[in-house]
Amino acid sequence: MFTFFRKIRGVLLQEGKTSQYFKYAVGEIVLIVIGILIAIQINTWNQDR
């Protein structure tokens, strides 16, 4: 899975499409933040139970 994302990043940077790379990078960061927030919510829910 990581090689898939690494390949996408490499292609975007080699082709000089920096604006598309930045959109990809921001999207990846948003996905990570959403995952962390979901994990915190589940942890809080388990502690309340």
PDB file of N, CA and C in Angstrom:
ATOM      1  N   MET A   1       0.814  -1.186   0.000  1.00  0.00           N
ATOM      2  CA  MET A   1       0.000   0.000   0.000  1.00  0.00           C
ATOM      3  C   MET A   1       0.864   1.259   0.000  1.00  0.00           C
ATOM      4  N   PHE A   2       1.933   1.242   0.821  1.00  0.00           N
ATOM      5  CA  PHE A   2       2.798   2.406   0.873  1.00  0.00           C
ATOM      6  C   PHE A   2       3.523   2.621  -0.449  1.00  0.00           C
ATOM      7  N   THR A   3       3.869   1.541  -1.128  1.00  0.00           N
ATOM      8  CA  THR A   3       4.551   1.689  -2.415  1.00  0.00           C
ATOM      9  C   THR A   3       3.620   2.315  -3.445  1.00  0.00           C
ATOM     10  N   PHE A   4       2.331   2.029  -3.332  1.00  0.00           N
ATOM     11  CA  PHE A   4       1.357   2.627  -4.244  1.00  0.00           C
ATOM     12  C   PHE A   4       1.353   4.147  -4.098  1.00  0.00           C
ATOM     13  N   PHE A   5       1.289   4.631  -2.850  1.00  0.00           N
ATOM     14  CA  PHE A   5       1.278   6.073  -2.616  1.00  0.00           C
ATOM     15  C   PHE A   5       2.620   6.695  -2.980  1.00  0.00           C
ATOM     16  N   ARG A   6       3.705   5.984  -2.717  1.00  0.00           N
ATOM     17  CA  ARG A   6       5.029   6.500  -3.064  1.00  0.00           C
ATOM     18  C   ARG A   6       5.165   6.652  -4.578  1.00  0.00           C
ATOM     19  N   LYS A   7       4.597   5.699  -5.312  1.00  0.00           N
ATOM     20  CA  LYS A   7       4.656   5.757  -6.770  1.00  0.00           C
ATOM     21  C   LYS A   7       3.861   6.949  -7.304  1.00  0.00           C
ATOM     22  N   ILE A   8       2.688   7.200  -6.728  1.00  0.00           N
ATOM     23  CA  ILE A   8       1.877   8.347  -7.152  1.00  0.00           C
ATOM     24  C   ILE A   8       2.638   9.648  -6.910  1.00  0.00           C
ATOM     25  N   ARG A   9       3.246   9.777  -5.725  1.00  0.00           N
ATOM     26  CA  ARG A   9       4.015  10.987  -5.414  1.00  0.00           C
ATOM     27  C   ARG A   9       5.168  11.164  -6.383  1.00  0.00           C
ATOM     28  N   GLY A  10       5.880  10.087  -6.670  1.00  0.00           N
ATOM     29  CA  GLY A  10       7.015  10.177  -7.583  1.00  0.00           C
ATOM     30  C   GLY A  10       6.609  10.607  -8.975  1.00  0.00           C
ATOM     31  N   VAL A  11       5.508  10.064  -9.479  1.00  0.00           N
ATOM     32  CA  VAL A  11       5.046  10.424 -10.824  1.00  0.00           C
ATOM     33  C   VAL A  11       4.629  11.887 -10.877  1.00  0.00           C
ATOM     34  N   LEU A  12       3.913  12.345  -9.870  1.00  0.00           N
ATOM     35  CA  LEU A  12       3.461  13.742  -9.867  1.00  0.00           C
ATOM     36  C   LEU A  12       4.634  14.705  -9.803  1.00  0.00           C
ATOM     37  N   LEU A  13       5.654  14.367  -9.021  1.00  0.00           N
ATOM     38  CA  LEU A  13       6.795  15.265  -8.920  1.00  0.00           C
ATOM     39  C   LEU A  13       7.656  15.229 -10.178  1.00  0.00           C
ATOM     40  N   GLN A  14       7.806  14.066 -10.800  1.00  0.00           N
ATOM     41  CA  GLN A  14       8.624  13.959 -12.001  1.00  0.00           C
ATOM     42  C   GLN A  14       7.987  14.686 -13.178  1.00  0.00           C
ATOM     43  N   GLU A  15       6.660  14.692 -13.227  1.00  0.00           N
ATOM     44  CA  GLU A  15       5.983  15.349 -14.335  1.00  0.00           C
ATOM     45  C   GLU A  15       5.844  16.854 -14.118  1.00  0.00           C
ATOM     46  N   GLY A  16       6.292  17.359 -13.001  1.00  0.00           N
ATOM     47  CA  GLY A  16       6.241  18.780 -12.736  1.00  0.00           C
ATOM     48  C   GLY A  16       4.859  19.282 -12.374  1.00  0.00           C
ATOM     49  N   LYS A  17       4.021  18.417 -11.895  1.00  0.00           N
ATOM     50  CA  LYS A  17       2.664  18.813 -11.524  1.00  0.00           C
ATOM     51  C   LYS A  17       2.628  19.077 -10.017  1.00  0.00           C
ATOM     52  N   THR A  18       3.261  20.165  -9.612  1.00  0.00           N
ATOM     53  CA  THR A  18       3.366  20.436  -8.181  1.00  0.00           C
ATOM     54  C   THR A  18       2.018  20.807  -7.573  1.00  0.00           C
ATOM     55  N   SER A  19       1.156  21.468  -8.320  1.00  0.00           N
ATOM     56  CA  SER A  19      -0.139  21.836  -7.750  1.00  0.00           C
ATOM     57  C   SER A  19      -0.962  20.580  -7.455  1.00  0.00           C
ATOM     58  N   GLN A  20      -0.910  19.593  -8.347  1.00  0.00           N
ATOM     59  CA  GLN A  20      -1.620  18.345  -8.096  1.00  0.00           C
ATOM     60  C   GLN A  20      -0.979  17.589  -6.923  1.00  0.00           C
ATOM     61  N   TYR A  21       0.338  17.693  -6.797  1.00  0.00           N
ATOM     62  CA  TYR A  21       1.022  17.038  -5.678  1.00  0.00           C
ATOM     63  C   TYR A  21       0.576  17.644  -4.344  1.00  0.00           C
ATOM     64  N   PHE A  22       0.465  18.979  -4.307  1.00  0.00           N
ATOM     65  CA  PHE A  22       0.038  19.620  -3.070  1.00  0.00           C
ATOM     66  C   PHE A  22      -1.395  19.250  -2.724  1.00  0.00           C
ATOM     67  N   LYS A  23      -2.266  19.129  -3.719  1.00  0.00           N
ATOM     68  CA  LYS A  23      -3.640  18.688  -3.472  1.00  0.00           C
ATOM     69  C   LYS A  23      -3.636  17.268  -2.916  1.00  0.00           C
ATOM     70  N   TYR A  24      -2.807  16.420  -3.473  1.00  0.00           N
ATOM     71  CA  TYR A  24      -2.679  15.042  -2.996  1.00  0.00           C
ATOM     72  C   TYR A  24      -2.166  15.019  -1.558  1.00  0.00           C
ATOM     73  N   ALA A  25      -1.154  15.839  -1.277  1.00  0.00           N
ATOM     74  CA  ALA A  25      -0.560  15.870   0.063  1.00  0.00           C
ATOM     75  C   ALA A  25      -1.578  16.358   1.093  1.00  0.00           C
ATOM     76  N   VAL A  26      -2.337  17.389   0.760  1.00  0.00           N
ATOM     77  CA  VAL A  26      -3.348  17.901   1.685  1.00  0.00           C
ATOM     78  C   VAL A  26      -4.424  16.841   1.905  1.00  0.00           C
ATOM     79  N   GLY A  27      -4.829  16.149   0.866  1.00  0.00           N
ATOM     80  CA  GLY A  27      -5.819  15.085   1.001  1.00  0.00           C
ATOM     81  C   GLY A  27      -5.336  13.968   1.896  1.00  0.00           C
ATOM     82  N   GLU A  28      -4.074  13.626   1.763  1.00  0.00           N
ATOM     83  CA  GLU A  28      -3.506  12.568   2.590  1.00  0.00           C
ATOM     84  C   GLU A  28      -3.462  12.991   4.059  1.00  0.00           C
ATOM     85  N   ILE A  29      -3.114  14.241   4.313  1.00  0.00           N
ATOM     86  CA  ILE A  29      -3.084  14.746   5.681  1.00  0.00           C
ATOM     87  C   ILE A  29      -4.483  14.754   6.285  1.00  0.00           C
ATOM     88  N   VAL A  30      -5.473  15.157   5.503  1.00  0.00           N
ATOM     89  CA  VAL A  30      -6.857  15.175   5.987  1.00  0.00           C
ATOM     90  C   VAL A  30      -7.307  13.761   6.354  1.00  0.00           C
ATOM     91  N   LEU A  31      -6.974  12.784   5.528  1.00  0.00           N
ATOM     92  CA  LEU A  31      -7.348  11.405   5.836  1.00  0.00           C
ATOM     93  C   LEU A  31      -6.718  10.922   7.138  1.00  0.00           C
ATOM     94  N   ILE A  32      -5.474  11.280   7.374  1.00  0.00           N
ATOM     95  CA  ILE A  32      -4.790  10.884   8.602  1.00  0.00           C
ATOM     96  C   ILE A  32      -5.454  11.525   9.807  1.00  0.00           C
ATOM     97  N   VAL A  33      -5.785  12.814   9.710  1.00  0.00           N
ATOM     98  CA  VAL A  33      -6.426  13.514  10.820  1.00  0.00           C
ATOM     99  C   VAL A  33      -7.795  12.898  11.118  1.00  0.00           C
ATOM    100  N   ILE A  34      -8.558  12.582  10.087  1.00  0.00           N
ATOM    101  CA  ILE A  34      -9.867  11.956  10.283  1.00  0.00           C
ATOM    102  C   ILE A  34      -9.711  10.609  10.982  1.00  0.00           C
ATOM    103  N   GLY A  35      -8.730   9.835  10.587  1.00  0.00           N
ATOM    104  CA  GLY A  35      -8.482   8.551  11.228  1.00  0.00           C
ATOM    105  C   GLY A  35      -8.132   8.695  12.694  1.00  0.00           C
ATOM    106  N   ILE A  36      -7.313   9.689  13.021  1.00  0.00           N
ATOM    107  CA  ILE A  36      -6.943   9.927  14.412  1.00  0.00           C
ATOM    108  C   ILE A  36      -8.165  10.347  15.220  1.00  0.00           C
ATOM    109  N   LEU A  37      -8.986  11.229  14.660  1.00  0.00           N
ATOM    110  CA  LEU A  37     -10.185  11.677  15.379  1.00  0.00           C
ATOM    111  C   LEU A  37     -11.162  10.527  15.616  1.00  0.00           C
ATOM    112  N   ILE A  38     -11.295   9.636  14.645  1.00  0.00           N
ATOM    113  CA  ILE A  38     -12.168   8.470  14.830  1.00  0.00           C
ATOM    114  C   ILE A  38     -11.623   7.569  15.932  1.00  0.00           C
ATOM    115  N   ALA A  39     -10.310   7.368  15.958  1.00  0.00           N
ATOM    116  CA  ALA A  39      -9.705   6.532  16.998  1.00  0.00           C
ATOM    117  C   ALA A  39      -9.902   7.136  18.385  1.00  0.00           C
ATOM    118  N   ILE A  40      -9.765   8.450  18.494  1.00  0.00           N
ATOM    119  CA  ILE A  40      -9.984   9.110  19.785  1.00  0.00           C
ATOM    120  C   ILE A  40     -11.435   8.983  20.205  1.00  0.00           C
ATOM    121  N   GLN A  41     -12.355   9.139  19.269  1.00  0.00           N
ATOM    122  CA  GLN A  41     -13.778   9.025  19.587  1.00  0.00           C
ATOM    123  C   GLN A  41     -14.128   7.614  20.062  1.00  0.00           C
ATOM    124  N   ILE A  42     -13.589   6.611  19.403  1.00  0.00           N
ATOM    125  CA  ILE A  42     -13.845   5.223  19.818  1.00  0.00           C
ATOM    126  C   ILE A  42     -13.259   4.965  21.197  1.00  0.00           C
ATOM    127  N   ASN A  43     -12.064   5.497  21.458  1.00  0.00           N
ATOM    128  CA  ASN A  43     -11.441   5.324  22.768  1.00  0.00           C
ATOM    129  C   ASN A  43     -12.291   5.973  23.856  1.00  0.00           C
ATOM    130  N   THR A  44     -12.763   7.174  23.604  1.00  0.00           N
ATOM    131  CA  THR A  44     -13.611   7.868  24.576  1.00  0.00           C
ATOM    132  C   THR A  44     -14.908   7.094  24.799  1.00  0.00           C
ATOM    133  N   TRP A  45     -15.477   6.595  23.738  1.00  0.00           N
ATOM    134  CA  TRP A  45     -16.730   5.831  23.835  1.00  0.00           C
ATOM    135  C   TRP A  45     -16.521   4.569  24.679  1.00  0.00           C
ATOM    136  N   ASN A  46     -15.386   3.892  24.472  1.00  0.00           N
ATOM    137  CA  ASN A  46     -15.091   2.679  25.260  1.00  0.00           C
ATOM    138  C   ASN A  46     -14.863   3.005  26.732  1.00  0.00           C
ATOM    139  N   GLN A  47     -14.219   4.127  27.018  1.00  0.00           N
ATOM    140  CA  GLN A  47     -13.986   4.502  28.399  1.00  0.00           C
ATOM    141  C   GLN A  47     -15.301   4.856  29.101  1.00  0.00           C
ATOM    142  N   ASP A  48     -16.224   5.476  28.385  1.00  0.00           N
ATOM    143  CA  ASP A  48     -17.517   5.834  28.980  1.00  0.00           C
ATOM    144  C   ASP A  48     -18.362   4.605  29.288  1.00  0.00           C
ATOM    145  N   ARG A  49     -18.200   3.568  28.476  1.00  0.00           N
ATOM    146  CA  ARG A  49     -18.952   2.342  28.724  1.00  0.00           C
ATOM    147  C   ARG A  49     -18.391   1.667  29.926  1.00  0.00           C
TER     148      ARG A  49
END
